């Protein structure tokens, strides 16, 4: 029976009335096309909480028997929900409700003795100097001018501050090619909605920024995962898939990609930029770099200035609460981006922008960021002591590549992603599983993204890593090899 076929008038003899299924949809609510009505029922039951996150859904054949419909109809319904980030599948283990269905943002409430290794913050205790900057702004005598909708892309003063910061990271934008956005996520969303059309495809890493996945879904932009290696996305694969899927754009996090931590070499950037230029791809470059400015690091914006939107996401290092970032782009994109910004936000917050401008122009911003990079060095040292087999290499240390989060591969286990997160929560640690970041069918590996930058003391961070190491050893069906000190398997 197909998704548009007429429903049978009776249940089969083996009706499963007393058979355990984790989800038993009401067959009487099905209507043609059946696969869409079944998908709608599944979506409603997931978002309403009737089916809890992490639930393993019934096998598709069993559900088809229960409903007396064709197996392929259930498959089509599941595919609809998978595209909406409501469910995901693990080969050989089944289909599960996503950890944050319909919303890729984590729902982590930290209280009691819970240690937060899930949220990647920016060492919030080191944001000294910000209060002084806020006082300077409020006592300036002209704060009233910030209480309007004027200058939706940022005032000349804010743009000048942004240019100074961008130039420190080797980004020299054209005259009309800088604007202030309400944070990096806002800049990404505006870019998706303004530059791309519904149905367009964008190339991404198989594991990518979780909020990009949700934003693309809302914008009806398809994400195409491009396999990579230890150096990042493979240029040959990008070229092949661009021709196959008629890809229009490329989303990249060249420095310490979230969640894998991979930093692209300059050679790999050259290769990817060459493919992007040859295939006329628009690049969204999300630079979350926690690294010090260096003339050795050249962003994609330098290589492809006529087709790259560069997002200075590292402004979040100043303070996570500031929803301000700067983006550089070709002047030809300006009207579309500012229109998108106006429709989504009207403008970025002027008071936040004024404070951040004060920090940049006074030199305090660079001092704060330098202090946080030093904190990242110490946090990475604590991580490396606890997980020596995953320690940073000499080259990374020599280049000052000390990220704010790390990746820990998980041993083979029957636990789904949400089940694994709950497993660690019950042991006093909040973490984020790789299933939150996977694009499409990118389910080849299970790992944790572990934050180094949210815990308020080195002692607490050390305690959190030790708890985590012990918990990983206790995962059901962990291999005996995991019992050795620091030996976390790198693949199943």
Foldseek 3Di string as FASTA:
>chain_A
DALADDADPDADPPQCPVPDWLDQDDLVQAHPSRLQSVLVSVLVCQVVCVRPFQDFGDDLVVNCNNNVHDSVSPVSSVVVQVLQQQWAADPPQGIGGHCDGNALDHDDDDDDLFDEFADFAQQAVLLPPLVVLLVCLVPVPPVVVLPDLPPQFDDPLLQVLQQLVVVLQVDHFDPLFKGKAQAPLRLLLLCLQQVDAQPAEEEEAQFADLRNSSSCSVRNYAYDHAYDDLQDGDLVSVLVVCVVRVHAAYEDAQALTPPAGHHHAPVRLVSNLVSCVVSVHAYEYEHLDLFGRDPRDDDSCVVCVARYKYKPNVLSSSPVPRRITMIGHHNVSNVRSSVSRCVVPSHHRSSSSSSSSSCSVVVVSVVSSVVSLVLLVLLLVLLCVQQVVQHDDPVCVVRSRRDQKHKAFAADASRDQSRVQVLLVVLNYGWHWSSSRGHDNSNQTIIIITGSRDDNDPVSSSVRSVSVLVSSVVGPPGDPQSPDRNDGDPHD
